Amino acid sequence: MSLMKIVRAPFLAACIALMGAVAITPVDALAQEAASAPAATTDTAPAGVVTPEVKKETIDNPYGLEALWTQGDFVARGTLIIMIIMSMGSWYIIFTKIWEQSKLMKSAKAAADTFWTAGSVKKGAETLDEASAFRYMAEQGLKAADHHEGSLVEQIDRHTWIGMSVQRSVDNINSRLQDGLAFLATVGSTSPFVGLFGTVWGIYHALTQIGISGQASIDKVAGPVGEALIMTAFGLAVAVPAVMGYNWLIRRNKGAMERVRAFSGDLHNVLLAGKR
């Protein structure tokens, strides 16, 4: 056996042993790590631990209506109160007029169904409700037809006298329907200017405060000016329903008065015919 063969055999054996050690060591390390992982997880996350709830912090708006009321002077508060009164009065009149117009329309339907089928004007009036506007016209016409007397009244012929009496009742009904509409027209035309006055007053005080403090940063300007502009928004919010309600009620009044005038004309002719 030569010298190279003697040296090669131990060298190959050492290389094989070294390669086996390198291949086995990572496998053993991974196995040990996998075996110890559940234990570590169990130790770090004990059962029964409640996660605390995260509460959101609420920040009050320093530039809202509350700030406008608390930081405003007597002029700003008075302007706001005036616009609130205007708004409440407008809505009250709108709902009241709607109810009155609906009641008048109902009375017109009842008069068309029962009044003209009665034997006389007096019996027809008794079929209507006591608060009915059409019963009021019928009673006024009957009164004029029965009492055409007096030194001054005798100078007026019966036809004219009955016509005047019935027309007075129609005018009274029309005046009753028109009540409150002037307030709506006034609110619709003046409330934007009242809100604008509050805005100008608020901006004036905002600029005064900025001039005194000597700072014109956005936080010093946005709050006071924004509060002042709320007054303009209030003025528009009061004016728009008042104007729309006024126009709508005028239209409904026109339809109601057409029925009233038609009834008064027929009533006049019946009374002149002598069927009381």
C-alpha atoms as a PDB file:
ATOM      1  CA  MET A   1       0.000   0.000   0.000  1.00  0.00           C
ATOM      2  CA  SER A   2       1.371   3.359  -1.029  1.00  0.00           C
ATOM      3  CA  LEU A   3       1.678   6.411   1.209  1.00  0.00           C
ATOM      4  CA  MET A   4      -1.174   8.311  -0.597  1.00  0.00           C
ATOM      5  CA  LYS A   5      -3.673   5.560   0.075  1.00  0.00           C
ATOM      6  CA  ILE A   6      -2.740   5.512   3.753  1.00  0.00           C
ATOM      7  CA  VAL A   7      -3.291   9.301   4.115  1.00  0.00           C
ATOM      8  CA  ARG A   8      -6.483   9.449   1.897  1.00  0.00           C
ATOM      9  CA  ALA A   9      -8.557   7.034   3.980  1.00  0.00           C
ATOM     10  CA  PRO A  10      -8.495   8.980   7.269  1.00  0.00           C
ATOM     11  CA  PHE A  11      -9.058  12.299   5.375  1.00  0.00           C
ATOM     12  CA  LEU A  12     -12.216  10.974   3.662  1.00  0.00           C
ATOM     13  CA  ALA A  13     -13.560   9.643   6.952  1.00  0.00           C
ATOM     14  CA  ALA A  14     -13.125  13.043   8.628  1.00  0.00           C
ATOM     15  CA  CYS A  15     -14.922  14.846   5.771  1.00  0.00           C
ATOM     16  CA  ILE A  16     -17.901  12.474   5.930  1.00  0.00           C
ATOM     17  CA  ALA A  17     -18.194  12.943   9.704  1.00  0.00           C
ATOM     18  CA  LEU A  18     -18.074  16.733   9.379  1.00  0.00           C
ATOM     19  CA  MET A  19     -20.822  16.816   6.709  1.00  0.00           C
ATOM     20  CA  GLY A  20     -23.118  14.657   8.814  1.00  0.00           C
ATOM     21  CA  ALA A  21     -22.733  16.957  11.807  1.00  0.00           C
ATOM     22  CA  VAL A  22     -23.604  20.030   9.739  1.00  0.00           C
ATOM     23  CA  ALA A  23     -26.743  18.375   8.284  1.00  0.00           C
ATOM     24  CA  ILE A  24     -28.068  17.133  11.662  1.00  0.00           C
ATOM     25  CA  THR A  25     -27.504  20.272  13.757  1.00  0.00           C
ATOM     26  CA  PRO A  26     -30.155  22.605  12.049  1.00  0.00           C
ATOM     27  CA  VAL A  27     -32.785  19.867  12.168  1.00  0.00           C
ATOM     28  CA  ASP A  28     -32.235  19.368  15.882  1.00  0.00           C
ATOM     29  CA  ALA A  29     -32.361  23.107  16.503  1.00  0.00           C
ATOM     30  CA  LEU A  30     -35.657  23.501  14.596  1.00  0.00           C
ATOM     31  CA  ALA A  31     -37.178  20.569  16.440  1.00  0.00           C
ATOM     32  CA  GLN A  32     -36.220  22.025  19.813  1.00  0.00           C
ATOM     33  CA  GLU A  33     -37.622  25.462  18.852  1.00  0.00           C
ATOM     34  CA  ALA A  34     -40.940  23.939  17.691  1.00  0.00           C
ATOM     35  CA  ALA A  35     -41.211  21.963  20.920  1.00  0.00           C
ATOM     36  CA  SER A  36     -40.617  25.016  23.102  1.00  0.00           C
ATOM     37  CA  ALA A  37     -42.917  27.416  21.147  1.00  0.00           C
ATOM     38  CA  PRO A  38     -46.296  26.341  22.696  1.00  0.00           C
ATOM     39  CA  ALA A  39     -44.878  26.649  26.159  1.00  0.00           C
ATOM     40  CA  ALA A  40     -43.683  30.188  25.496  1.00  0.00           C
ATOM     41  CA  THR A  41     -47.073  31.163  24.020  1.00  0.00           C
ATOM     42  CA  THR A  42     -48.876  29.732  27.007  1.00  0.00           C
ATOM     43  CA  ASP A  43     -46.646  31.668  29.415  1.00  0.00           C
ATOM     44  CA  THR A  44     -46.934  35.065  27.631  1.00  0.00           C
ATOM     45  CA  ALA A  45     -50.757  35.045  27.043  1.00  0.00           C
ATOM     46  CA  PRO A  46     -52.469  33.842  30.222  1.00  0.00           C
ATOM     47  CA  ALA A  47     -56.179  33.099  30.045  1.00  0.00           C
ATOM     48  CA  GLY A  48     -58.779  35.482  31.525  1.00  0.00           C
ATOM     49  CA  VAL A  49     -57.027  38.767  30.670  1.00  0.00           C
ATOM     50  CA  VAL A  50     -59.579  41.442  29.456  1.00  0.00           C
ATOM     51  CA  THR A  51     -58.414  43.938  26.861  1.00  0.00           C
ATOM     52  CA  PRO A  52     -59.225  47.476  28.020  1.00  0.00           C
ATOM     53  CA  GLU A  53     -61.730  49.470  25.877  1.00  0.00           C
ATOM     54  CA  VAL A  54     -60.484  52.519  24.069  1.00  0.00           C
ATOM     55  CA  LYS A  55     -62.778  55.503  24.764  1.00  0.00           C
ATOM     56  CA  LYS A  56     -63.071  58.304  22.223  1.00  0.00           C
ATOM     57  CA  GLU A  57     -62.612  61.737  23.613  1.00  0.00           C
ATOM     58  CA  THR A  58     -65.396  64.201  22.723  1.00  0.00           C
ATOM     59  CA  ILE A  59     -64.397  67.800  22.176  1.00  0.00           C
ATOM     60  CA  ASP A  60     -67.016  70.514  22.553  1.00  0.00           C
ATOM     61  CA  ASN A  61     -67.406  72.904  19.635  1.00  0.00           C
ATOM     62  CA  PRO A  62     -66.212  76.325  20.841  1.00  0.00           C
ATOM     63  CA  TYR A  63     -67.776  78.073  17.842  1.00  0.00           C
ATOM     64  CA  GLY A  64     -71.379  76.825  17.933  1.00  0.00           C
ATOM     65  CA  LEU A  65     -74.712  78.258  19.039  1.00  0.00           C
ATOM     66  CA  GLU A  66     -73.870  77.860  22.701  1.00  0.00           C
ATOM     67  CA  ALA A  67     -70.756  79.981  22.276  1.00  0.00           C
ATOM     68  CA  LEU A  68     -72.766  82.520  20.303  1.00  0.00           C
ATOM     69  CA  TRP A  69     -75.232  82.890  23.180  1.00  0.00           C
ATOM     70  CA  THR A  70     -72.749  82.851  26.059  1.00  0.00           C
ATOM     71  CA  GLN A  71     -70.152  85.100  24.456  1.00  0.00           C
ATOM     72  CA  GLY A  72     -72.545  87.503  22.701  1.00  0.00           C
ATOM     73  CA  ASP A  73     -73.625  90.829  24.156  1.00  0.00           C
ATOM     74  CA  PHE A  74     -77.192  92.072  24.672  1.00  0.00           C
ATOM     75  CA  VAL A  75     -77.476  93.218  21.030  1.00  0.00           C
ATOM     76  CA  ALA A  76     -76.576  89.788  19.627  1.00  0.00           C
ATOM     77  CA  ARG A  77     -78.867  88.009  22.072  1.00  0.00           C
ATOM     78  CA  GLY A  78     -81.706  90.422  21.380  1.00  0.00           C
ATOM     79  CA  THR A  79     -81.339  89.933  17.627  1.00  0.00           C
ATOM     80  CA  LEU A  80     -81.443  86.165  18.062  1.00  0.00           C
ATOM     81  CA  ILE A  81     -84.547  86.384  20.277  1.00  0.00           C
ATOM     82  CA  ILE A  82     -86.325  88.609  17.736  1.00  0.00           C
ATOM     83  CA  MET A  83     -85.700  86.095  14.955  1.00  0.00           C
ATOM     84  CA  ILE A  84     -86.935  83.235  17.144  1.00  0.00           C
ATOM     85  CA  ILE A  85     -90.154  85.159  17.841  1.00  0.00           C
ATOM     86  CA  MET A  86     -90.545  85.854  14.111  1.00  0.00           C
ATOM     87  CA  SER A  87     -90.117  82.180  13.286  1.00  0.00           C
ATOM     88  CA  MET A  88     -92.575  80.993  15.952  1.00  0.00           C
ATOM     89  CA  GLY A  89     -95.165  83.568  14.866  1.00  0.00           C
ATOM     90  CA  SER A  90     -94.798  82.597  11.217  1.00  0.00           C
ATOM     91  CA  TRP A  91     -95.307  78.898  11.850  1.00  0.00           C
ATOM     92  CA  TYR A  92     -98.272  79.594  14.149  1.00  0.00           C
ATOM     93  CA  ILE A  93     -99.990  81.717  11.499  1.00  0.00           C
ATOM     94  CA  ILE A  94     -99.270  79.197   8.736  1.00  0.00           C
ATOM     95  CA  PHE A  95    -100.842  76.284  10.643  1.00  0.00           C
ATOM     96  CA  THR A  96    -103.756  78.415  11.882  1.00  0.00           C
ATOM     97  CA  LYS A  97    -104.599  79.667   8.389  1.00  0.00           C
ATOM     98  CA  ILE A  98    -104.394  76.168   6.943  1.00  0.00           C
ATOM     99  CA  TRP A  99    -106.890  74.992   9.558  1.00  0.00           C
ATOM    100  CA  GLU A 100    -109.261  77.929   8.872  1.00  0.00           C
ATOM    101  CA  GLN A 101    -109.093  77.403   5.115  1.00  0.00           C
ATOM    102  CA  SER A 102    -109.752  73.682   5.481  1.00  0.00           C
ATOM    103  CA  LYS A 103    -112.739  74.466   7.675  1.00  0.00           C
ATOM    104  CA  LEU A 104    -114.095  76.927   5.094  1.00  0.00           C
ATOM    105  CA  MET A 105    -113.684  74.392   2.288  1.00  0.00           C
ATOM    106  CA  LYS A 106    -115.552  71.835   4.365  1.00  0.00           C
ATOM    107  CA  SER A 107    -118.357  74.338   4.986  1.00  0.00           C
ATOM    108  CA  ALA A 108    -118.549  75.076   1.256  1.00  0.00           C
ATOM    109  CA  LYS A 109    -118.999  71.378   0.527  1.00  0.00           C
ATOM    110  CA  ALA A 110    -121.678  71.080   3.196  1.00  0.00           C
ATOM    111  CA  ALA A 111    -123.505  74.129   1.799  1.00  0.00           C
ATOM    112  CA  ALA A 112    -123.449  72.687  -1.708  1.00  0.00           C
ATOM    113  CA  ASP A 113    -124.846  69.361  -0.451  1.00  0.00           C
ATOM    114  CA  THR A 114    -127.594  70.504   1.958  1.00  0.00           C
ATOM    115  CA  PHE A 115    -128.358  74.216   1.662  1.00  0.00           C
ATOM    116  CA  TRP A 116    -129.789  74.377  -1.833  1.00  0.00           C
ATOM    117  CA  THR A 117    -131.940  71.283  -1.367  1.00  0.00           C
ATOM    118  CA  ALA A 118    -133.853  72.852   1.555  1.00  0.00           C
ATOM    119  CA  GLY A 119    -137.285  74.390   1.070  1.00  0.00           C
ATOM    120  CA  SER A 120    -136.237  77.906   2.107  1.00  0.00           C
ATOM    121  CA  VAL A 121    -133.205  79.974   2.952  1.00  0.00           C
ATOM    122  CA  LYS A 122    -134.008  79.799   6.662  1.00  0.00           C
ATOM    123  CA  LYS A 123    -134.270  76.002   6.650  1.00  0.00           C
ATOM    124  CA  GLY A 124    -131.120  75.758   4.560  1.00  0.00           C
ATOM    125  CA  ALA A 125    -129.211  77.935   7.042  1.00  0.00           C
ATOM    126  CA  GLU A 126    -130.334  75.697   9.914  1.00  0.00           C
ATOM    127  CA  THR A 127    -128.729  72.698   8.220  1.00  0.00           C
ATOM    128  CA  LEU A 128    -125.300  74.360   8.345  1.00  0.00           C
ATOM    129  CA  ASP A 129    -122.946  74.528  11.294  1.00  0.00           C
ATOM    130  CA  GLU A 130    -123.320  77.542  13.566  1.00  0.00           C
ATOM    131  CA  ALA A 131    -119.700  78.589  12.974  1.00  0.00           C
ATOM    132  CA  SER A 132    -120.017  78.190   9.197  1.00  0.00           C
ATOM    133  CA  ALA A 133    -119.241  81.253   7.097  1.00  0.00           C
ATOM    134  CA  PHE A 134    -122.001  80.279   4.666  1.00  0.00           C
ATOM    135  CA  ARG A 135    -124.594  80.227   7.451  1.00  0.00           C
ATOM    136  CA  TYR A 136    -123.393  83.678   8.463  1.00  0.00           C
ATOM    137  CA  MET A 137    -124.002  84.980   4.928  1.00  0.00           C
ATOM    138  CA  ALA A 138    -127.445  83.401   4.796  1.00  0.00           C
ATOM    139  CA  GLU A 139    -128.469  84.925   8.130  1.00  0.00           C
ATOM    140  CA  GLN A 140    -127.209  88.358   7.122  1.00  0.00           C
ATOM    141  CA  GLY A 141    -129.177  88.137   3.869  1.00  0.00           C
ATOM    142  CA  LEU A 142    -132.343  87.091   5.709  1.00  0.00           C
ATOM    143  CA  LYS A 143    -131.919  89.923   8.187  1.00  0.00           C
ATOM    144  CA  ALA A 144    -131.564  92.473   5.383  1.00  0.00           C
ATOM    145  CA  ALA A 145    -134.615  91.105   3.576  1.00  0.00           C
ATOM    146  CA  ASP A 146    -136.810  91.164   6.697  1.00  0.00           C
ATOM    147  CA  HIS A 147    -135.737  94.570   8.042  1.00  0.00           C
ATOM    148  CA  HIS A 148    -135.724  97.034   5.195  1.00  0.00           C
ATOM    149  CA  GLU A 149    -136.919  99.941   7.296  1.00  0.00           C
ATOM    150  CA  GLY A 150    -135.854 103.282   8.713  1.00  0.00           C
ATOM    151  CA  SER A 151    -135.926 106.792   7.339  1.00  0.00           C
ATOM    152  CA  LEU A 152    -132.487 106.530   5.717  1.00  0.00           C
ATOM    153  CA  VAL A 153    -132.705 102.923   4.604  1.00  0.00           C
ATOM    154  CA  GLU A 154    -136.021 103.504   2.859  1.00  0.00           C
ATOM    155  CA  GLN A 155    -134.214 105.652   0.322  1.00  0.00           C
ATOM    156  CA  ILE A 156    -132.360 102.492  -0.845  1.00  0.00           C
ATOM    157  CA  ASP A 157    -134.244  99.986  -2.919  1.00  0.00           C
ATOM    158  CA  ARG A 158    -134.620  96.454  -1.624  1.00  0.00           C
ATOM    159  CA  HIS A 159    -132.398  94.924  -4.297  1.00  0.00           C
ATOM    160  CA  THR A 160    -129.476  97.203  -3.442  1.00  0.00           C
ATOM    161  CA  TRP A 161    -129.996  96.833   0.297  1.00  0.00           C
ATOM    162  CA  ILE A 162    -129.869  93.035   0.207  1.00  0.00           C
ATOM    163  CA  GLY A 163    -126.871  93.114  -2.107  1.00  0.00           C
ATOM    164  CA  MET A 164    -125.001  95.470   0.226  1.00  0.00           C
ATOM    165  CA  SER A 165    -125.711  93.299   3.258  1.00  0.00           C
ATOM    166  CA  VAL A 166    -124.562  90.115   1.570  1.00  0.00           C
ATOM    167  CA  GLN A 167    -121.452  91.876   0.239  1.00  0.00           C
ATOM    168  CA  ARG A 168    -120.576  93.083   3.742  1.00  0.00           C
ATOM    169  CA  SER A 169    -120.661  89.511   4.991  1.00  0.00           C
ATOM    170  CA  VAL A 170    -118.398  88.442   2.118  1.00  0.00           C
ATOM    171  CA  ASP A 171    -115.967  91.238   2.940  1.00  0.00           C
ATOM    172  CA  ASN A 172    -115.911  90.194   6.598  1.00  0.00           C
ATOM    173  CA  ILE A 173    -115.070  86.619   5.631  1.00  0.00           C
ATOM    174  CA  ASN A 174    -112.326  87.814   3.310  1.00  0.00           C
ATOM    175  CA  SER A 175    -110.900  90.049   6.042  1.00  0.00           C
ATOM    176  CA  ARG A 176    -110.909  87.096   8.430  1.00  0.00           C
ATOM    177  CA  LEU A 177    -108.981  84.989   5.952  1.00  0.00           C
ATOM    178  CA  GLN A 178    -106.427  87.766   5.414  1.00  0.00           C
ATOM    179  CA  ASP A 179    -105.628  88.082   9.128  1.00  0.00           C
ATOM    180  CA  GLY A 180    -101.990  87.266   9.846  1.00  0.00           C
ATOM    181  CA  LEU A 181    -100.810  87.330   6.251  1.00  0.00           C
ATOM    182  CA  ALA A 182     -99.391  90.830   6.724  1.00  0.00           C
ATOM    183  CA  PHE A 183     -97.199  89.430   9.508  1.00  0.00           C
ATOM    184  CA  LEU A 184     -95.881  86.729   7.167  1.00  0.00           C
ATOM    185  CA  ALA A 185     -95.114  89.331   4.513  1.00  0.00           C
ATOM    186  CA  THR A 186     -93.314  91.492   7.075  1.00  0.00           C
ATOM    187  CA  VAL A 187     -91.244  88.601   8.386  1.00  0.00           C
ATOM    188  CA  GLY A 188     -90.334  87.425   4.898  1.00  0.00           C
ATOM    189  CA  SER A 189     -89.102  90.871   3.879  1.00  0.00           C
ATOM    190  CA  THR A 190     -87.349  91.967   7.092  1.00  0.00           C
ATOM    191  CA  SER A 191     -85.850  88.843   8.707  1.00  0.00           C
ATOM    192  CA  PRO A 192     -82.895  88.627   6.254  1.00  0.00           C
ATOM    193  CA  PHE A 193     -81.961  92.190   7.163  1.00  0.00           C
ATOM    194  CA  VAL A 194     -82.318  91.458  10.869  1.00  0.00           C
ATOM    195  CA  GLY A 195     -79.934  88.522  10.441  1.00  0.00           C
ATOM    196  CA  LEU A 196     -77.578  90.689   8.420  1.00  0.00           C
ATOM    197  CA  PHE A 197     -77.569  93.261  11.210  1.00  0.00           C
ATOM    198  CA  GLY A 198     -76.548  90.533  13.667  1.00  0.00           C
ATOM    199  CA  THR A 199     -73.780  89.461  11.293  1.00  0.00           C
ATOM    200  CA  VAL A 200     -72.407  92.984  10.921  1.00  0.00           C
ATOM    201  CA  TRP A 201     -72.514  93.510  14.672  1.00  0.00           C
ATOM    202  CA  GLY A 202     -70.709  90.210  15.313  1.00  0.00           C
ATOM    203  CA  ILE A 203     -67.995  90.916  12.736  1.00  0.00           C
ATOM    204  CA  TYR A 204     -67.483  94.371  14.233  1.00  0.00           C
ATOM    205  CA  HIS A 205     -66.820  92.858  17.660  1.00  0.00           C
ATOM    206  CA  ALA A 206     -64.608  90.159  16.121  1.00  0.00           C
ATOM    207  CA  LEU A 207     -62.432  92.747  14.407  1.00  0.00           C
ATOM    208  CA  THR A 208     -62.278  94.763  17.627  1.00  0.00           C
ATOM    209  CA  GLN A 209     -61.022  91.745  19.569  1.00  0.00           C
ATOM    210  CA  ILE A 210     -58.462  90.948  16.882  1.00  0.00           C
ATOM    211  CA  GLY A 211     -57.208  94.537  16.948  1.00  0.00           C
ATOM    212  CA  ILE A 212     -56.900  94.512  20.735  1.00  0.00           C
ATOM    213  CA  SER A 213     -55.095  91.171  20.846  1.00  0.00           C
ATOM    214  CA  GLY A 214     -52.849  92.082  17.895  1.00  0.00           C
ATOM    215  CA  GLN A 215     -53.161  88.550  16.448  1.00  0.00           C
ATOM    216  CA  ALA A 216     -54.857  87.723  13.175  1.00  0.00           C
ATOM    217  CA  SER A 217     -54.314  83.974  13.146  1.00  0.00           C
ATOM    218  CA  ILE A 218     -56.984  81.618  11.866  1.00  0.00           C
ATOM    219  CA  ASP A 219     -58.080  80.579  15.367  1.00  0.00           C
ATOM    220  CA  LYS A 220     -58.659  84.216  16.305  1.00  0.00           C
ATOM    221  CA  VAL A 221     -60.638  85.010  13.150  1.00  0.00           C
ATOM    222  CA  ALA A 222     -62.603  81.824  12.381  1.00  0.00           C
ATOM    223  CA  GLY A 223     -64.559  81.623  15.630  1.00  0.00           C
ATOM    224  CA  PRO A 224     -65.989  85.155  15.928  1.00  0.00           C
ATOM    225  CA  VAL A 225     -66.634  85.536  12.195  1.00  0.00           C
ATOM    226  CA  GLY A 226     -68.275  82.107  12.003  1.00  0.00           C
ATOM    227  CA  GLU A 227     -70.542  82.947  14.934  1.00  0.00           C
ATOM    228  CA  ALA A 228     -71.499  86.200  13.234  1.00  0.00           C
ATOM    229  CA  LEU A 229     -72.405  84.417   9.990  1.00  0.00           C
ATOM    230  CA  ILE A 230     -74.798  82.180  11.936  1.00  0.00           C
ATOM    231  CA  MET A 231     -77.046  85.242  12.242  1.00  0.00           C
ATOM    232  CA  THR A 232     -77.364  85.465   8.467  1.00  0.00           C
ATOM    233  CA  ALA A 233     -78.254  81.781   8.295  1.00  0.00           C
ATOM    234  CA  PHE A 234     -80.927  82.303  10.949  1.00  0.00           C
ATOM    235  CA  GLY A 235     -82.380  85.229   9.021  1.00  0.00           C
ATOM    236  CA  LEU A 236     -82.687  83.145   5.853  1.00  0.00           C
ATOM    237  CA  ALA A 237     -84.143  80.198   7.775  1.00  0.00           C
ATOM    238  CA  VAL A 238     -86.866  82.497   9.124  1.00  0.00           C
ATOM    239  CA  ALA A 239     -87.561  84.314   5.831  1.00  0.00           C
ATOM    240  CA  VAL A 240     -87.890  81.338   3.464  1.00  0.00           C
ATOM    241  CA  PRO A 241     -90.826  79.581   5.245  1.00  0.00           C
ATOM    242  CA  ALA A 242     -92.592  82.920   5.764  1.00  0.00           C
ATOM    243  CA  VAL A 243     -92.411  83.867   2.070  1.00  0.00           C
ATOM    244  CA  MET A 244     -93.401  80.410   0.838  1.00  0.00           C
ATOM    245  CA  GLY A 245     -96.234  80.177   3.369  1.00  0.00           C
ATOM    246  CA  TYR A 246     -97.519  83.629   2.412  1.00  0.00           C
ATOM    247  CA  ASN A 247     -97.665  82.826  -1.300  1.00  0.00           C
ATOM    248  CA  TRP A 248     -99.281  79.438  -0.672  1.00  0.00           C
ATOM    249  CA  LEU A 249    -101.933  80.841   1.681  1.00  0.00           C
ATOM    250  CA  ILE A 250    -102.771  83.660  -0.744  1.00  0.00           C
ATOM    251  CA  ARG A 251    -103.376  81.060  -3.433  1.00  0.00           C
ATOM    252  CA  ARG A 252    -105.629  78.997  -1.150  1.00  0.00           C
ATOM    253  CA  ASN A 253    -107.542  82.102  -0.060  1.00  0.00           C
ATOM    254  CA  LYS A 254    -108.276  82.919  -3.679  1.00  0.00           C
ATOM    255  CA  GLY A 255    -109.841  79.496  -4.248  1.00  0.00           C
ATOM    256  CA  ALA A 256    -111.882  79.728  -1.041  1.00  0.00           C
ATOM    257  CA  MET A 257    -113.198  83.213  -1.820  1.00  0.00           C
ATOM    258  CA  GLU A 258    -114.323  82.103  -5.255  1.00  0.00           C
ATOM    259  CA  ARG A 259    -116.700  79.659  -3.593  1.00  0.00           C
ATOM    260  CA  VAL A 260    -117.853  82.286  -1.097  1.00  0.00           C
ATOM    261  CA  ARG A 261    -118.649  84.831  -3.831  1.00  0.00           C
ATOM    262  CA  ALA A 262    -120.468  82.227  -5.901  1.00  0.00           C
ATOM    263  CA  PHE A 263    -122.624  81.316  -2.911  1.00  0.00           C
ATOM    264  CA  SER A 264    -123.334  84.981  -2.117  1.00  0.00           C
ATOM    265  CA  GLY A 265    -124.478  85.676  -5.677  1.00  0.00           C
ATOM    266  CA  ASP A 266    -126.893  82.748  -5.669  1.00  0.00           C
ATOM    267  CA  LEU A 267    -128.134  83.733  -2.208  1.00  0.00           C
ATOM    268  CA  HIS A 268    -128.817  87.271  -3.373  1.00  0.00           C
ATOM    269  CA  ASN A 269    -130.925  86.063  -6.283  1.00  0.00           C
ATOM    270  CA  VAL A 270    -132.895  83.650  -4.088  1.00  0.00           C
ATOM    271  CA  LEU A 271    -133.667  86.380  -1.550  1.00  0.00           C
ATOM    272  CA  LEU A 272    -134.803  88.755  -4.292  1.00  0.00           C
ATOM    273  CA  ALA A 273    -137.142  86.007  -5.553  1.00  0.00           C
ATOM    274  CA  GLY A 274    -138.849  86.076  -2.157  1.00  0.00           C
ATOM    275  CA  LYS A 275    -138.018  82.510  -1.042  1.00  0.00           C
ATOM    276  CA  ARG A 276    -136.920  83.119   2.494  1.00  0.00           C
END
